[in-house]
Amino acid sequence: MGKGTAFVIGATGQIGRVAVRALAEDGWEVRAASRGGGSDPGWPDGVRPLTLDRDAEGELAAALGDGCDVLVDMVAYDGGHARQLAGLGDRIGSAVVISSGAVYEDDRGRSFDTQAEPDGSPRYPVPIPETLATVAPGEGTYGTRKIELERELLASALPSTLLRAGAIHGPHCRSPRELFFVKRALDGRPVRVLAHGGESRFHPAHVANIAELIRLAALRPGSRVLNAADPQAPTVAEIGAAVDEVVGVRSELVTFDGAPEEGTVGLTPWSAAHPIVYDMSAAERELGYRPVTGYAESLPATVEWIKGQLRGKDWREAFPGMAKYPDLFDYAAEDAWLAARG
């Protein structure tokens, strides 16, 4: 028996592809909206792709037509998007919207936004509960825009579940952190140099686990915020070893305490002075959530996808979003650092 109608915005993105499949397989009648109007070979028959620019005046309202039982939004970003959804609330039974763990701040007001400042690394509790303080809403940063999105939706009459995702991973990622280790393994680099003793932990969230949270929240409408992360939060050293095992190489691990005194040797896309680990007990309690995969078991598919994207291309061409990390593969600097270390 069908569950009802689901309308997914951002359907061909990294999370959207998996969420559409999860909802369709669970019995929802799914309309899958994206800018390109494409589909995915993994989707069951019956999924209806459609082209949508949600920022074009009137397009979302027209695409919704008579409405839907649940709207799932992968790309909502700020208060404007919250007001857009709330304004269509008479045609939407409930919403499930992707937010971010970037909204949290510690007891000294430090957050992801302060990372570049002296002593700017936040020291969060382990694990982070949804009740932790958050940054002030505003237009300044990713985190302040996401909390504005959350607050406006939660203050509206539209029942909305906001999922605060961790470090998202899996195939179809535009900026896969795993590239840091996959490319080193493929290049035959014999060593992995890691700052902070290799103990940095930035809690990953696999797309299949986020899709499962979406599926469960669609079945249990409500107004709430929930963390979205994997059952494990491996250290960066453990992630590097797991990637090496998948690729089939062995490398030497060299670590040092603290951040680099100069340069970026030892820094990774997961590097942080203090652990970032999300508490998943609220999702378990409120939705009956159980993760469908873990980091290590999901990694082979991610690595194979990254390898396929790299084939015949420079890494910057394959993953232009990763160029935001400076000197990601400065092997000469690594070699100089290792030589000076003796």
Protein backbone atom coordinates (compact mmCIF):
# COMPACT_ATOMS: atom_id res chain seq x y z
CA MET A 1 0.00 0.00 0.00
CA GLY A 2 1.38 3.45 -0.95
CA LYS A 3 2.57 5.85 1.74
CA GLY A 4 1.52 8.99 -0.13
CA THR A 5 3.19 11.56 -2.38
CA ALA A 6 6.74 12.84 -1.90
CA PHE A 7 8.31 15.83 -3.68
CA VAL A 8 12.12 15.91 -3.58
CA ILE A 9 14.11 19.08 -4.37
CA GLY A 10 17.73 18.42 -5.34
CA ALA A 11 16.89 14.89 -6.43
CA THR A 12 20.00 14.26 -8.54
CA GLY A 13 22.48 15.50 -5.95
CA GLN A 14 24.57 13.29 -3.72
CA ILE A 15 21.93 12.76 -1.01
CA GLY A 16 18.94 13.18 -3.31
CA ARG A 17 19.77 10.18 -5.50
CA VAL A 18 19.74 7.85 -2.51
CA ALA A 19 16.79 9.49 -0.76
CA VAL A 20 14.57 9.23 -3.85
CA ARG A 21 15.34 5.52 -4.10
CA ALA A 22 14.69 4.95 -0.38
CA LEU A 23 11.34 6.74 -0.50
CA ALA A 24 10.21 5.04 -3.71
CA GLU A 25 11.17 1.60 -2.43
CA ASP A 26 9.25 2.35 0.76
CA GLY A 27 6.06 2.89 -1.21
CA TRP A 28 5.98 6.66 -1.78
CA GLU A 29 4.93 8.13 -5.12
CA VAL A 30 7.96 10.32 -5.80
CA ARG A 31 8.40 13.40 -7.94
CA ALA A 32 12.14 14.00 -8.27
CA ALA A 33 12.94 17.64 -9.01
CA SER A 34 16.34 19.02 -10.06
CA ARG A 35 17.74 21.84 -12.16
CA GLY A 36 18.67 19.44 -14.93
CA GLY A 37 15.56 17.30 -14.64
CA GLY A 38 17.61 14.10 -14.78
CA SER A 39 17.15 10.69 -13.25
CA ASP A 40 19.32 7.99 -11.72
CA PRO A 41 19.64 4.38 -12.93
CA GLY A 42 19.15 3.18 -9.37
CA TRP A 43 15.66 4.63 -9.09
CA PRO A 44 12.70 2.24 -9.27
CA ASP A 45 10.11 2.50 -12.02
CA GLY A 46 7.47 5.07 -11.25
CA VAL A 47 9.74 7.90 -10.06
CA ARG A 48 8.80 11.03 -11.99
CA PRO A 49 11.77 13.31 -12.78
CA LEU A 50 11.07 16.98 -13.45
CA THR A 51 13.05 20.15 -14.12
CA LEU A 52 12.92 22.82 -11.40
CA ASP A 53 14.77 26.02 -10.58
CA ARG A 54 13.40 26.61 -7.10
CA ASP A 55 14.78 30.21 -7.12
CA ALA A 56 12.85 31.17 -10.26
CA GLU A 57 9.69 33.09 -9.42
CA GLY A 58 6.67 30.79 -9.17
CA GLU A 59 8.39 27.63 -10.43
CA LEU A 60 8.17 25.64 -7.19
CA ALA A 61 4.51 26.56 -6.67
CA ALA A 62 3.70 25.50 -10.23
CA ALA A 63 5.63 22.23 -9.91
CA LEU A 64 3.89 21.37 -6.65
CA GLY A 65 0.46 21.71 -8.23
CA ASP A 66 -2.09 20.36 -5.78
CA GLY A 67 0.71 19.61 -3.31
CA CYS A 68 2.35 16.63 -1.65
CA ASP A 69 2.27 14.71 1.60
CA VAL A 70 5.98 15.29 2.27
CA LEU A 71 8.48 17.65 0.69
CA VAL A 72 12.15 16.74 1.04
CA ASP A 73 14.58 19.60 0.45
CA MET A 74 18.28 18.83 -0.06
CA VAL A 75 19.33 22.34 -1.06
CA ALA A 76 17.43 24.81 1.13
CA TYR A 77 20.03 27.28 2.34
CA ASP A 78 18.62 30.27 4.22
CA GLY A 79 15.65 32.17 5.55
CA GLY A 80 14.41 32.95 2.06
CA HIS A 81 14.07 29.26 1.29
CA ALA A 82 12.36 28.70 4.64
CA ARG A 83 9.80 31.40 3.84
CA GLN A 84 9.31 29.91 0.38
CA LEU A 85 8.42 26.51 1.85
CA ALA A 86 6.30 27.96 4.67
CA GLY A 87 4.39 30.07 2.12
CA LEU A 88 3.39 26.85 0.36
CA GLY A 89 2.55 25.11 3.61
CA ASP A 90 -1.13 24.76 2.74
CA ARG A 91 -0.04 22.34 -0.01
CA ILE A 92 2.67 20.49 1.92
CA GLY A 93 1.83 17.94 4.59
CA SER A 94 5.28 18.06 6.20
CA ALA A 95 8.89 18.81 5.26
CA VAL A 96 12.25 17.14 5.78
CA VAL A 97 15.12 19.55 5.19
CA ILE A 98 18.90 19.08 5.23
CA SER A 99 20.71 21.40 7.63
CA SER A 100 24.26 21.15 8.98
CA GLY A 101 26.31 20.53 12.10
CA ALA A 102 28.00 23.84 11.24
CA VAL A 103 25.26 25.60 13.23
CA TYR A 104 26.71 24.59 16.62
CA GLU A 105 28.91 26.77 18.82
CA ASP A 106 30.81 25.92 22.02
CA ASP A 107 30.53 27.57 25.45
CA ARG A 108 32.97 30.30 24.35
CA GLY A 109 30.99 31.15 21.22
CA ARG A 110 33.41 29.37 18.87
CA SER A 111 32.13 27.52 15.82
CA PHE A 112 33.23 26.37 12.36
CA ASP A 113 33.10 30.05 11.39
CA THR A 114 35.97 30.93 13.79
CA GLN A 115 38.41 28.25 12.62
CA ALA A 116 40.72 30.74 10.91
CA GLU A 117 41.07 32.93 14.01
CA PRO A 118 43.72 32.48 16.73
CA ASP A 119 42.56 29.73 19.07
CA GLY A 120 39.44 29.60 16.91
CA SER A 121 38.94 25.84 16.98
CA PRO A 122 35.69 25.04 18.80
CA ARG A 123 35.78 22.62 21.72
CA TYR A 124 32.44 20.85 21.57
CA PRO A 125 31.14 18.28 24.06
CA VAL A 126 31.52 14.66 22.95
CA PRO A 127 29.05 13.76 21.63
CA ILE A 128 27.23 16.93 20.56
CA PRO A 129 23.52 16.95 21.50
CA GLU A 130 20.93 18.87 19.51
CA THR A 131 20.41 21.07 22.60
CA LEU A 132 23.89 22.64 22.28
CA ALA A 133 23.94 26.39 21.61
CA THR A 134 23.99 27.53 17.99
CA VAL A 135 25.37 30.50 16.11
CA ALA A 136 23.21 33.59 15.65
CA PRO A 137 21.12 33.60 12.46
CA GLY A 138 22.19 35.90 9.66
CA GLU A 139 23.49 36.19 6.12
CA GLY A 140 27.21 36.11 6.92
CA THR A 141 28.23 32.45 6.72
CA TYR A 142 27.04 28.96 5.83
CA GLY A 143 26.33 28.21 9.51
CA THR A 144 24.43 31.45 10.19
CA ARG A 145 22.31 30.96 7.07
CA LYS A 146 21.49 27.36 7.98
CA ILE A 147 20.36 28.32 11.50
CA GLU A 148 18.19 31.06 9.98
CA LEU A 149 16.64 28.39 7.76
CA GLU A 150 16.02 26.16 10.78
CA ARG A 151 14.48 28.82 13.00
CA GLU A 152 12.13 30.20 10.39
CA LEU A 153 10.85 26.75 9.47
CA LEU A 154 10.41 25.69 13.09
CA ALA A 155 8.50 28.91 13.82
CA SER A 156 6.15 28.28 10.88
CA ALA A 157 3.00 26.17 10.80
CA LEU A 158 4.68 23.65 8.46
CA PRO A 159 5.81 20.54 10.39
CA SER A 160 9.52 20.36 9.56
CA THR A 161 12.32 17.96 10.46
CA LEU A 162 15.75 19.58 10.12
CA LEU A 163 18.63 17.11 9.76
CA ARG A 164 22.00 18.48 10.94
CA ALA A 165 24.38 16.47 8.79
CA GLY A 166 27.98 15.66 9.64
CA ALA A 167 30.80 15.21 7.10
CA ILE A 168 28.76 13.82 4.19
CA HIS A 169 30.38 11.01 2.21
CA GLY A 170 29.56 8.47 -0.46
CA PRO A 171 29.46 8.39 -4.28
CA HIS A 172 28.55 11.51 -6.29
CA CYS A 173 30.16 13.91 -3.79
CA ARG A 174 31.41 17.10 -5.42
CA SER A 175 34.12 17.53 -2.77
CA PRO A 176 34.99 14.07 -1.42
CA ARG A 177 37.33 14.32 1.55
CA GLU A 178 38.47 10.77 0.81
CA LEU A 179 40.28 12.14 -2.25
CA PHE A 180 43.08 13.21 0.12
CA PHE A 181 43.99 9.57 0.79
CA VAL A 182 42.76 7.96 -2.44
CA LYS A 183 45.02 10.09 -4.65
CA ARG A 184 48.02 9.50 -2.37
CA ALA A 185 47.45 5.75 -2.60
CA LEU A 186 47.09 5.88 -6.39
CA ASP A 187 50.21 8.07 -6.67
CA GLY A 188 52.28 5.59 -4.68
CA ARG A 189 53.05 8.01 -1.88
CA PRO A 190 54.71 5.85 0.81
CA VAL A 191 53.82 8.01 3.81
CA ARG A 192 50.84 9.76 5.38
CA VAL A 193 51.74 12.87 7.42
CA LEU A 194 49.01 13.87 9.87
CA ALA A 195 48.77 16.80 12.28
CA HIS A 196 47.08 16.60 15.69
CA GLY A 197 48.58 13.16 16.27
CA GLY A 198 46.30 11.71 13.59
CA GLU A 199 43.52 11.81 16.19
CA SER A 200 41.25 14.40 14.53
CA ARG A 201 37.64 13.21 14.37
CA PHE A 202 35.05 14.87 12.14
CA HIS A 203 31.98 12.65 12.33
CA PRO A 204 31.08 11.30 8.85
CA ALA A 205 27.53 10.88 7.57
CA HIS A 206 27.00 8.44 4.72
CA VAL A 207 24.30 9.33 2.22
CA ALA A 208 22.48 6.03 2.86
CA ASN A 209 22.20 6.83 6.57
CA ILE A 210 20.89 10.32 5.82
CA ALA A 211 18.39 8.79 3.37
CA GLU A 212 17.21 6.44 6.09
CA LEU A 213 16.64 9.38 8.43
CA ILE A 214 14.68 11.11 5.66
CA ARG A 215 12.56 7.99 5.11
CA LEU A 216 11.75 7.70 8.80
CA ALA A 217 11.04 11.42 9.26
CA ALA A 218 8.66 11.31 6.30
CA LEU A 219 6.66 8.65 8.14
CA ARG A 220 6.62 10.62 11.41
CA PRO A 221 5.90 14.29 10.68
CA GLY A 222 6.89 16.78 13.35
CA SER A 223 8.84 19.96 14.08
CA ARG A 224 12.30 19.00 15.32
CA VAL A 225 16.04 19.15 14.76
CA LEU A 226 18.05 15.92 14.64
CA ASN A 227 21.70 15.12 14.09
CA ALA A 228 22.56 12.99 11.05
CA ALA A 229 25.75 10.93 11.26
CA ASP A 230 27.22 7.44 11.00
CA PRO A 231 27.40 4.94 13.87
CA GLN A 232 31.18 5.47 14.11
CA ALA A 233 33.37 8.60 14.15
CA PRO A 234 36.79 7.27 13.05
CA THR A 235 39.99 9.25 13.50
CA VAL A 236 41.72 10.64 10.43
CA ALA A 237 44.45 8.02 10.89
CA GLU A 238 41.83 5.28 10.86
CA ILE A 239 40.27 6.75 7.72
CA GLY A 240 43.64 6.81 5.99
CA ALA A 241 44.32 3.19 6.92
CA ALA A 242 40.85 2.16 5.70
CA VAL A 243 41.39 3.85 2.32
CA ASP A 244 44.80 2.20 1.94
CA GLU A 245 43.23 -1.18 2.63
CA VAL A 246 40.56 -0.64 -0.02
CA VAL A 247 43.11 0.49 -2.63
CA GLY A 248 45.49 -2.30 -1.62
CA VAL A 249 48.56 -0.38 -0.47
CA ARG A 250 50.55 -0.06 2.74
CA SER A 251 51.94 3.29 3.84
CA GLU A 252 53.91 4.62 6.77
CA LEU A 253 52.06 6.84 9.22
CA VAL A 254 53.92 9.90 10.54
CA THR A 255 52.13 12.13 13.04
CA PHE A 256 52.94 15.18 15.11
CA ASP A 257 51.06 16.93 17.89
CA GLY A 258 49.16 20.12 17.29
CA ALA A 259 48.70 22.06 14.07
CA PRO A 260 51.59 22.76 11.68
CA GLU A 261 53.75 25.65 12.83
CA GLU A 262 54.03 26.76 9.20
CA GLY A 263 52.55 25.60 5.92
CA THR A 264 49.85 22.98 5.54
CA VAL A 265 51.83 19.73 5.74
CA GLY A 266 49.84 17.37 7.96
CA LEU A 267 46.48 19.04 7.48
CA THR A 268 43.58 17.11 5.93
CA PRO A 269 39.91 17.81 5.13
CA TRP A 270 39.06 16.24 8.53
CA SER A 271 41.68 18.06 10.61
CA ALA A 272 40.52 19.70 13.81
CA ALA A 273 42.20 20.30 17.15
CA HIS A 274 39.21 18.90 19.03
CA PRO A 275 36.81 16.05 18.13
CA ILE A 276 33.53 16.76 16.37
CA VAL A 277 31.18 13.88 17.18
CA TYR A 278 27.39 14.00 16.96
CA ASP A 279 24.96 12.38 19.40
CA MET A 280 22.50 10.19 17.50
CA SER A 281 20.35 9.14 20.46
CA ALA A 282 17.54 11.62 19.70
CA ALA A 283 17.07 10.18 16.19
CA GLU A 284 17.03 6.68 17.65
CA ARG A 285 14.47 7.71 20.26
CA GLU A 286 12.18 9.88 18.11
CA LEU A 287 12.32 8.04 14.78
CA GLY A 288 13.44 4.54 15.71
CA TYR A 289 16.52 5.20 13.60
CA ARG A 290 19.09 2.47 13.05
CA PRO A 291 22.03 3.13 10.69
CA VAL A 292 22.05 1.12 7.48
CA THR A 293 25.83 1.25 6.97
CA GLY A 294 29.08 2.28 8.63
CA TYR A 295 32.17 4.10 7.44
CA ALA A 296 34.42 1.13 6.66
CA GLU A 297 31.75 -1.00 5.00
CA SER A 298 30.58 1.87 2.77
CA LEU A 299 34.09 2.95 1.77
CA PRO A 300 34.80 0.58 -1.18
CA ALA A 301 31.97 2.02 -3.28
CA THR A 302 33.11 5.57 -2.50
CA VAL A 303 36.73 4.81 -3.42
CA GLU A 304 35.73 3.14 -6.69
CA TRP A 305 33.61 6.11 -7.63
CA ILE A 306 36.44 8.56 -6.88
CA LYS A 307 38.88 6.46 -8.90
CA GLY A 308 36.47 6.48 -11.82
CA GLN A 309 36.10 10.26 -11.68
CA LEU A 310 39.89 10.70 -11.59
CA ARG A 311 40.54 8.45 -14.58
CA GLY A 312 42.22 10.51 -17.30
CA LYS A 313 41.73 13.80 -15.44
CA ASP A 314 43.64 16.16 -13.19
CA TRP A 315 42.14 16.08 -9.70
CA ARG A 316 41.19 19.77 -9.96
CA GLU A 317 39.19 19.03 -13.11
CA ALA A 318 37.51 16.02 -11.54
CA PHE A 319 36.78 17.75 -8.23
CA PRO A 320 37.04 21.54 -8.55
CA GLY A 321 35.38 21.95 -5.18
CA MET A 322 38.38 20.36 -3.48
CA ALA A 323 40.60 23.23 -4.63
CA LYS A 324 39.29 25.15 -1.60
CA TYR A 325 41.80 23.16 0.46
CA PRO A 326 45.21 24.82 -0.13
CA ASP A 327 48.19 22.70 -1.19
CA LEU A 328 46.23 19.46 -0.89
CA PHE A 329 48.87 17.42 -2.72
CA ASP A 330 52.09 19.41 -2.18
CA TYR A 331 54.35 16.37 -2.15
CA ALA A 332 57.52 18.49 -2.42
CA ALA A 333 56.61 20.28 0.81
CA GLU A 334 55.93 16.94 2.49
CA ASP A 335 59.27 15.56 1.35
CA ALA A 336 61.10 18.68 2.57
CA TRP A 337 59.35 18.44 5.94
CA LEU A 338 60.22 14.76 6.29
CA ALA A 339 63.85 15.41 5.33
CA ALA A 340 64.16 18.22 7.89
CA ARG A 341 62.60 16.00 10.53
CA GLY A 342 65.29 13.39 9.88
